[in-house]
Amino acid sequence: MDFITVPLVVGFVCLGIYSLFELFVRRKERLLIIEKISERMDVTDFGKRLSLPSYGMPRFSFSSLKVGCLLIGIGLGILVGFFCDLMVAANRHSLDFRNEYEAASAAYAASVLLFGGLGLIVAFIIETNMKRKENK
């Protein structure tokens, strides 16, 4: 475990320094944007341009759809990995234990990632179709 601590500490230090510089640069950019906007705006424009968002319109959040499709995909991936593991176990006479374990773990990992990604793609397709229908 000692071999990972040095790169991990160096990585965290570099990330901290980068974040600090980025924070100050963003602050300067925001101040410049506010100055440019304040030069163009007049006090009388505040009543016209600033208004509360309309809360009466339904706003759909697709995060639950994404999470649901991802979990369905992961579940299907585990199921397919289980069936692949059963097929490997049926042909056990040609594999030793290490190769069988590696094949089963690769089947589980690949199927979980594949079906999880497919679940997110399905969620994206459903979301774009619903937005398209909403705009019509």
N, C-alpha and C. Protein backbone atom coordinates (compact mmCIF):
# COMPACT_ATOMS: atom_id res chain seq x y z
N MET A 1 0.82 -1.19 0.00
CA MET A 1 0.00 0.00 0.00
C MET A 1 0.87 1.26 0.00
N ASP A 2 2.13 1.13 0.35
CA ASP A 2 3.02 2.29 0.40
C ASP A 2 3.30 2.85 -0.99
N PHE A 3 3.24 2.02 -2.00
CA PHE A 3 3.57 2.46 -3.35
C PHE A 3 2.51 3.42 -3.90
N ILE A 4 1.33 3.43 -3.36
CA ILE A 4 0.26 4.28 -3.88
C ILE A 4 0.17 5.62 -3.16
N THR A 5 0.73 5.73 -1.96
CA THR A 5 0.55 6.94 -1.17
C THR A 5 1.27 8.15 -1.77
N VAL A 6 2.47 7.96 -2.29
CA VAL A 6 3.22 9.09 -2.84
C VAL A 6 2.51 9.67 -4.07
N PRO A 7 2.14 8.86 -5.08
CA PRO A 7 1.42 9.46 -6.21
C PRO A 7 0.07 10.05 -5.80
N LEU A 8 -0.58 9.45 -4.82
CA LEU A 8 -1.87 9.95 -4.36
C LEU A 8 -1.72 11.32 -3.70
N VAL A 9 -0.73 11.49 -2.86
CA VAL A 9 -0.49 12.78 -2.20
C VAL A 9 -0.09 13.83 -3.23
N VAL A 10 0.79 13.46 -4.15
CA VAL A 10 1.20 14.42 -5.19
C VAL A 10 0.00 14.83 -6.05
N GLY A 11 -0.85 13.87 -6.37
CA GLY A 11 -2.04 14.17 -7.14
C GLY A 11 -2.98 15.11 -6.42
N PHE A 12 -3.20 14.89 -5.13
CA PHE A 12 -4.07 15.76 -4.35
C PHE A 12 -3.49 17.17 -4.22
N VAL A 13 -2.18 17.27 -4.03
CA VAL A 13 -1.55 18.58 -3.93
C VAL A 13 -1.69 19.34 -5.25
N CYS A 14 -1.42 18.66 -6.37
CA CYS A 14 -1.56 19.30 -7.68
C CYS A 14 -3.01 19.70 -7.94
N LEU A 15 -3.95 18.86 -7.57
CA LEU A 15 -5.37 19.17 -7.74
C LEU A 15 -5.76 20.38 -6.89
N GLY A 16 -5.25 20.46 -5.69
CA GLY A 16 -5.54 21.60 -4.82
C GLY A 16 -4.99 22.90 -5.37
N ILE A 17 -3.76 22.87 -5.87
CA ILE A 17 -3.16 24.07 -6.44
C ILE A 17 -3.92 24.50 -7.70
N TYR A 18 -4.26 23.55 -8.55
CA TYR A 18 -5.03 23.85 -9.77
C TYR A 18 -6.39 24.43 -9.41
N SER A 19 -7.06 23.87 -8.44
CA SER A 19 -8.38 24.37 -8.03
C SER A 19 -8.28 25.78 -7.48
N LEU A 20 -7.24 26.06 -6.74
CA LEU A 20 -7.05 27.40 -6.18
C LEU A 20 -6.85 28.43 -7.28
N PHE A 21 -5.99 28.13 -8.25
CA PHE A 21 -5.79 29.05 -9.37
C PHE A 21 -7.07 29.22 -10.18
N GLU A 22 -7.79 28.14 -10.41
CA GLU A 22 -9.03 28.21 -11.19
C GLU A 22 -10.08 29.04 -10.45
N LEU A 23 -10.11 28.95 -9.14
CA LEU A 23 -11.06 29.72 -8.35
C LEU A 23 -10.81 31.22 -8.51
N PHE A 24 -9.54 31.63 -8.45
CA PHE A 24 -9.24 33.05 -8.60
C PHE A 24 -9.47 33.54 -10.02
N VAL A 25 -9.18 32.72 -11.00
CA VAL A 25 -9.42 33.12 -12.40
C VAL A 25 -10.90 33.26 -12.66
N ARG A 26 -11.71 32.34 -12.17
CA ARG A 26 -13.16 32.44 -12.34
C ARG A 26 -13.71 33.69 -11.65
N ARG A 27 -13.18 34.01 -10.50
CA ARG A 27 -13.65 35.20 -9.78
C ARG A 27 -13.38 36.45 -10.60
N LYS A 28 -12.19 36.55 -11.18
CA LYS A 28 -11.86 37.71 -12.01
C LYS A 28 -12.75 37.77 -13.25
N GLU A 29 -13.01 36.61 -13.86
CA GLU A 29 -13.88 36.58 -15.04
C GLU A 29 -15.29 37.02 -14.68
N ARG A 30 -15.81 36.56 -13.56
CA ARG A 30 -17.15 36.95 -13.14
C ARG A 30 -17.23 38.45 -12.87
N LEU A 31 -16.21 38.99 -12.23
CA LEU A 31 -16.21 40.43 -11.97
C LEU A 31 -16.18 41.23 -13.27
N LEU A 32 -15.41 40.78 -14.25
CA LEU A 32 -15.39 41.46 -15.54
C LEU A 32 -16.73 41.39 -16.24
N ILE A 33 -17.38 40.25 -16.17
CA ILE A 33 -18.70 40.10 -16.79
C ILE A 33 -19.71 41.01 -16.10
N ILE A 34 -19.67 41.09 -14.79
CA ILE A 34 -20.59 41.96 -14.05
C ILE A 34 -20.34 43.42 -14.41
N GLU A 35 -19.09 43.81 -14.57
CA GLU A 35 -18.79 45.20 -14.95
C GLU A 35 -19.31 45.51 -16.34
N LYS A 36 -19.16 44.58 -17.28
CA LYS A 36 -19.65 44.81 -18.64
C LYS A 36 -21.18 44.91 -18.66
N ILE A 37 -21.83 44.07 -17.89
CA ILE A 37 -23.29 44.11 -17.85
C ILE A 37 -23.77 45.40 -17.19
N SER A 38 -23.10 45.83 -16.14
CA SER A 38 -23.53 47.05 -15.44
C SER A 38 -23.34 48.29 -16.30
N GLU A 39 -22.38 48.28 -17.20
CA GLU A 39 -22.19 49.41 -18.10
C GLU A 39 -23.34 49.52 -19.10
N ARG A 40 -23.86 48.41 -19.55
CA ARG A 40 -24.90 48.40 -20.57
C ARG A 40 -26.30 48.58 -19.99
N MET A 41 -26.52 48.18 -18.75
CA MET A 41 -27.86 48.22 -18.18
C MET A 41 -28.13 49.56 -17.49
N ASP A 42 -29.39 49.90 -17.51
CA ASP A 42 -29.85 51.09 -16.82
C ASP A 42 -30.72 50.63 -15.65
N VAL A 43 -30.93 51.48 -14.67
CA VAL A 43 -31.72 51.12 -13.50
C VAL A 43 -33.16 50.84 -13.89
N THR A 44 -33.66 51.50 -14.92
CA THR A 44 -35.05 51.29 -15.34
C THR A 44 -35.26 49.94 -16.01
N ASP A 45 -34.18 49.31 -16.46
CA ASP A 45 -34.30 48.01 -17.12
C ASP A 45 -34.53 46.87 -16.14
N PHE A 46 -34.29 47.09 -14.86
CA PHE A 46 -34.42 46.00 -13.90
C PHE A 46 -35.84 45.47 -13.82
N GLY A 47 -36.82 46.34 -13.93
CA GLY A 47 -38.21 45.90 -13.87
C GLY A 47 -38.60 45.07 -15.07
N LYS A 48 -38.01 45.35 -16.21
CA LYS A 48 -38.35 44.62 -17.44
C LYS A 48 -37.64 43.27 -17.53
N ARG A 49 -36.38 43.25 -17.18
CA ARG A 49 -35.58 42.05 -17.42
C ARG A 49 -35.61 41.03 -16.30
N LEU A 50 -35.79 41.48 -15.09
CA LEU A 50 -35.79 40.56 -13.97
C LEU A 50 -37.21 40.15 -13.63
N SER A 51 -37.46 38.88 -13.67
CA SER A 51 -38.78 38.38 -13.29
C SER A 51 -38.61 36.99 -12.70
N LEU A 52 -39.57 36.59 -11.92
CA LEU A 52 -39.52 35.27 -11.32
C LEU A 52 -39.86 34.21 -12.35
N PRO A 53 -39.27 33.05 -12.24
CA PRO A 53 -39.62 31.99 -13.18
C PRO A 53 -41.05 31.52 -12.95
N SER A 54 -41.66 31.05 -14.01
CA SER A 54 -43.05 30.59 -13.89
C SER A 54 -43.05 29.19 -13.28
N TYR A 55 -43.59 29.09 -12.09
CA TYR A 55 -43.64 27.81 -11.41
C TYR A 55 -44.88 27.03 -11.77
N GLY A 56 -45.79 27.63 -12.52
CA GLY A 56 -47.01 26.94 -12.90
C GLY A 56 -46.77 25.91 -14.00
N MET A 57 -45.76 26.13 -14.82
CA MET A 57 -45.47 25.19 -15.90
C MET A 57 -44.79 23.96 -15.33
N PRO A 58 -45.19 22.79 -15.78
CA PRO A 58 -44.55 21.57 -15.26
C PRO A 58 -43.11 21.46 -15.78
N ARG A 59 -42.21 21.20 -14.86
CA ARG A 59 -40.81 21.00 -15.21
C ARG A 59 -40.47 19.55 -14.89
N PHE A 60 -40.06 18.84 -15.89
CA PHE A 60 -39.76 17.43 -15.72
C PHE A 60 -38.29 17.26 -15.37
N SER A 61 -38.05 16.40 -14.43
CA SER A 61 -36.69 16.03 -14.08
C SER A 61 -36.48 14.59 -14.51
N PHE A 62 -35.50 14.40 -15.33
CA PHE A 62 -35.26 13.08 -15.89
C PHE A 62 -34.23 12.29 -15.10
N SER A 63 -33.84 12.77 -13.93
CA SER A 63 -32.82 12.07 -13.16
C SER A 63 -33.33 10.71 -12.68
N SER A 64 -34.60 10.64 -12.29
CA SER A 64 -35.12 9.35 -11.85
C SER A 64 -35.21 8.38 -13.02
N LEU A 65 -35.52 8.88 -14.21
CA LEU A 65 -35.54 8.02 -15.39
C LEU A 65 -34.14 7.48 -15.68
N LYS A 66 -33.13 8.35 -15.58
CA LYS A 66 -31.76 7.93 -15.84
C LYS A 66 -31.31 6.89 -14.82
N VAL A 67 -31.60 7.14 -13.55
CA VAL A 67 -31.18 6.20 -12.51
C VAL A 67 -31.91 4.88 -12.68
N GLY A 68 -33.21 4.94 -13.00
CA GLY A 68 -33.98 3.71 -13.19
C GLY A 68 -33.46 2.89 -14.36
N CYS A 69 -33.20 3.56 -15.48
CA CYS A 69 -32.67 2.82 -16.64
C CYS A 69 -31.28 2.28 -16.36
N LEU A 70 -30.48 3.03 -15.62
CA LEU A 70 -29.14 2.55 -15.28
C LEU A 70 -29.22 1.31 -14.40
N LEU A 71 -30.11 1.33 -13.40
CA LEU A 71 -30.24 0.17 -12.51
C LEU A 71 -30.81 -1.04 -13.26
N ILE A 72 -31.75 -0.80 -14.17
CA ILE A 72 -32.26 -1.91 -15.00
C ILE A 72 -31.14 -2.48 -15.84
N GLY A 73 -30.32 -1.60 -16.41
CA GLY A 73 -29.19 -2.06 -17.21
C GLY A 73 -28.18 -2.84 -16.39
N ILE A 74 -27.90 -2.37 -15.19
CA ILE A 74 -26.96 -3.09 -14.33
C ILE A 74 -27.53 -4.44 -13.93
N GLY A 75 -28.83 -4.47 -13.64
CA GLY A 75 -29.46 -5.75 -13.30
C GLY A 75 -29.40 -6.73 -14.45
N LEU A 76 -29.69 -6.24 -15.66
CA LEU A 76 -29.59 -7.12 -16.83
C LEU A 76 -28.14 -7.56 -17.05
N GLY A 77 -27.20 -6.66 -16.79
CA GLY A 77 -25.80 -7.02 -16.94
C GLY A 77 -25.37 -8.10 -15.97
N ILE A 78 -25.82 -8.01 -14.74
CA ILE A 78 -25.50 -9.05 -13.76
C ILE A 78 -26.14 -10.37 -14.15
N LEU A 79 -27.36 -10.31 -14.66
CA LEU A 79 -28.04 -11.53 -15.10
C LEU A 79 -27.32 -12.18 -16.27
N VAL A 80 -26.91 -11.39 -17.24
CA VAL A 80 -26.18 -11.94 -18.39
C VAL A 80 -24.82 -12.47 -17.93
N GLY A 81 -24.17 -11.75 -17.01
CA GLY A 81 -22.90 -12.24 -16.48
C GLY A 81 -23.07 -13.56 -15.75
N PHE A 82 -24.18 -13.71 -15.04
CA PHE A 82 -24.46 -14.98 -14.35
C PHE A 82 -24.62 -16.11 -15.35
N PHE A 83 -25.34 -15.85 -16.44
CA PHE A 83 -25.51 -16.89 -17.45
C PHE A 83 -24.19 -17.21 -18.16
N CYS A 84 -23.36 -16.20 -18.36
CA CYS A 84 -22.04 -16.47 -18.92
C CYS A 84 -21.20 -17.28 -17.95
N ASP A 85 -21.33 -17.00 -16.67
CA ASP A 85 -20.62 -17.76 -15.66
C ASP A 85 -21.09 -19.22 -15.64
N LEU A 86 -22.40 -19.42 -15.81
CA LEU A 86 -22.92 -20.79 -15.89
C LEU A 86 -22.37 -21.53 -17.10
N MET A 87 -22.23 -20.83 -18.22
CA MET A 87 -21.67 -21.48 -19.41
C MET A 87 -20.21 -21.83 -19.20
N VAL A 88 -19.47 -20.96 -18.52
CA VAL A 88 -18.07 -21.25 -18.22
C VAL A 88 -17.98 -22.43 -17.26
N ALA A 89 -18.90 -22.48 -16.28
CA ALA A 89 -18.88 -23.58 -15.31
C ALA A 89 -19.23 -24.90 -15.98
N ALA A 90 -20.05 -24.85 -17.03
CA ALA A 90 -20.40 -26.08 -17.73
C ALA A 90 -19.20 -26.64 -18.50
N ASN A 91 -18.31 -25.76 -18.95
CA ASN A 91 -17.11 -26.17 -19.67
C ASN A 91 -15.89 -26.12 -18.77
N ARG A 92 -16.05 -26.45 -17.51
CA ARG A 92 -15.01 -26.33 -16.52
C ARG A 92 -13.82 -27.26 -16.78
N HIS A 93 -14.03 -28.35 -17.45
CA HIS A 93 -12.95 -29.33 -17.64
C HIS A 93 -11.79 -28.76 -18.45
N SER A 94 -12.02 -27.72 -19.26
CA SER A 94 -10.94 -27.17 -20.07
C SER A 94 -10.23 -25.99 -19.39
N LEU A 95 -10.73 -25.53 -18.26
CA LEU A 95 -10.15 -24.37 -17.59
C LEU A 95 -9.67 -24.75 -16.19
N ASP A 96 -8.56 -24.16 -15.77
CA ASP A 96 -8.18 -24.31 -14.38
C ASP A 96 -8.88 -23.22 -13.57
N PHE A 97 -8.69 -23.20 -12.26
CA PHE A 97 -9.46 -22.30 -11.39
C PHE A 97 -9.16 -20.83 -11.68
N ARG A 98 -7.90 -20.50 -11.92
CA ARG A 98 -7.55 -19.09 -12.15
C ARG A 98 -8.18 -18.58 -13.44
N ASN A 99 -8.12 -19.34 -14.50
CA ASN A 99 -8.72 -18.92 -15.76
C ASN A 99 -10.24 -18.85 -15.65
N GLU A 100 -10.83 -19.76 -14.90
CA GLU A 100 -12.29 -19.73 -14.71
C GLU A 100 -12.70 -18.48 -13.95
N TYR A 101 -11.96 -18.13 -12.91
CA TYR A 101 -12.26 -16.94 -12.12
C TYR A 101 -12.11 -15.68 -12.97
N GLU A 102 -11.04 -15.61 -13.77
CA GLU A 102 -10.83 -14.45 -14.62
C GLU A 102 -11.91 -14.33 -15.68
N ALA A 103 -12.32 -15.46 -16.25
CA ALA A 103 -13.36 -15.42 -17.28
C ALA A 103 -14.70 -14.98 -16.67
N ALA A 104 -15.01 -15.48 -15.49
CA ALA A 104 -16.27 -15.11 -14.85
C ALA A 104 -16.27 -13.63 -14.45
N SER A 105 -15.17 -13.15 -13.89
CA SER A 105 -15.13 -11.74 -13.49
C SER A 105 -15.15 -10.83 -14.70
N ALA A 106 -14.51 -11.23 -15.78
CA ALA A 106 -14.55 -10.42 -17.00
C ALA A 106 -15.95 -10.40 -17.59
N ALA A 107 -16.65 -11.54 -17.53
CA ALA A 107 -18.02 -11.59 -18.05
C ALA A 107 -18.94 -10.70 -17.22
N TYR A 108 -18.81 -10.75 -15.89
CA TYR A 108 -19.63 -9.89 -15.03
C TYR A 108 -19.34 -8.41 -15.30
N ALA A 109 -18.09 -8.04 -15.31
CA ALA A 109 -17.74 -6.63 -15.48
C ALA A 109 -18.18 -6.11 -16.85
N ALA A 110 -17.91 -6.88 -17.89
CA ALA A 110 -18.26 -6.43 -19.23
C ALA A 110 -19.77 -6.31 -19.40
N SER A 111 -20.52 -7.28 -18.89
CA SER A 111 -21.96 -7.22 -19.07
C SER A 111 -22.59 -6.12 -18.22
N VAL A 112 -22.07 -5.87 -17.03
CA VAL A 112 -22.60 -4.78 -16.21
C VAL A 112 -22.34 -3.44 -16.88
N LEU A 113 -21.13 -3.22 -17.37
CA LEU A 113 -20.82 -1.95 -18.03
C LEU A 113 -21.60 -1.80 -19.33
N LEU A 114 -21.72 -2.87 -20.09
CA LEU A 114 -22.44 -2.81 -21.36
C LEU A 114 -23.92 -2.48 -21.14
N PHE A 115 -24.57 -3.21 -20.28
CA PHE A 115 -25.99 -2.98 -20.07
C PHE A 115 -26.26 -1.70 -19.28
N GLY A 116 -25.36 -1.29 -18.42
CA GLY A 116 -25.50 0.00 -17.75
C GLY A 116 -25.43 1.15 -18.75
N GLY A 117 -24.48 1.06 -19.67
CA GLY A 117 -24.38 2.07 -20.72
C GLY A 117 -25.59 2.05 -21.63
N LEU A 118 -26.08 0.86 -21.97
CA LEU A 118 -27.28 0.77 -22.80
C LEU A 118 -28.48 1.36 -22.08
N GLY A 119 -28.56 1.17 -20.76
CA GLY A 119 -29.64 1.76 -19.98
C GLY A 119 -29.61 3.28 -20.03
N LEU A 120 -28.41 3.86 -19.95
CA LEU A 120 -28.29 5.31 -20.03
C LEU A 120 -28.63 5.82 -21.44
N ILE A 121 -28.26 5.07 -22.46
CA ILE A 121 -28.60 5.45 -23.83
C ILE A 121 -30.11 5.40 -24.03
N VAL A 122 -30.76 4.37 -23.50
CA VAL A 122 -32.22 4.28 -23.59
C VAL A 122 -32.87 5.45 -22.85
N ALA A 123 -32.35 5.81 -21.69
CA ALA A 123 -32.89 6.96 -20.95
C ALA A 123 -32.72 8.24 -21.75
N PHE A 124 -31.59 8.40 -22.43
CA PHE A 124 -31.37 9.58 -23.26
C PHE A 124 -32.36 9.62 -24.42
N ILE A 125 -32.59 8.49 -25.06
CA ILE A 125 -33.53 8.44 -26.18
C ILE A 125 -34.94 8.77 -25.71
N ILE A 126 -35.35 8.21 -24.58
CA ILE A 126 -36.68 8.50 -24.05
C ILE A 126 -36.79 9.98 -23.70
N GLU A 127 -35.74 10.54 -23.10
CA GLU A 127 -35.76 11.95 -22.72
C GLU A 127 -35.87 12.86 -23.94
N THR A 128 -35.11 12.58 -24.99
CA THR A 128 -35.19 13.42 -26.18
C THR A 128 -36.54 13.29 -26.87
N ASN A 129 -37.11 12.09 -26.87
CA ASN A 129 -38.45 11.92 -27.46
C ASN A 129 -39.50 12.68 -26.68
N MET A 130 -39.42 12.66 -25.34
CA MET A 130 -40.38 13.38 -24.53
C MET A 130 -40.22 14.90 -24.71
N LYS A 131 -38.99 15.39 -24.81
CA LYS A 131 -38.78 16.82 -25.03
C LYS A 131 -39.27 17.23 -26.42
N ARG A 132 -39.08 16.37 -27.40
CA ARG A 132 -39.53 16.67 -28.75
C ARG A 132 -41.07 16.75 -28.78
N LYS A 133 -41.75 15.83 -28.09
CA LYS A 133 -43.20 15.85 -28.04
C LYS A 133 -43.71 17.07 -27.26
N GLU A 134 -42.94 17.46 -26.24
CA GLU A 134 -43.34 18.61 -25.42
C GLU A 134 -43.25 19.91 -26.22
N ASN A 135 -42.25 20.00 -27.12
CA ASN A 135 -42.06 21.23 -27.90
C ASN A 135 -43.06 21.35 -29.05
N LYS A 136 -43.67 20.27 -29.47
CA LYS A 136 -44.62 20.34 -30.58
C LYS A 136 -45.96 20.86 -30.18
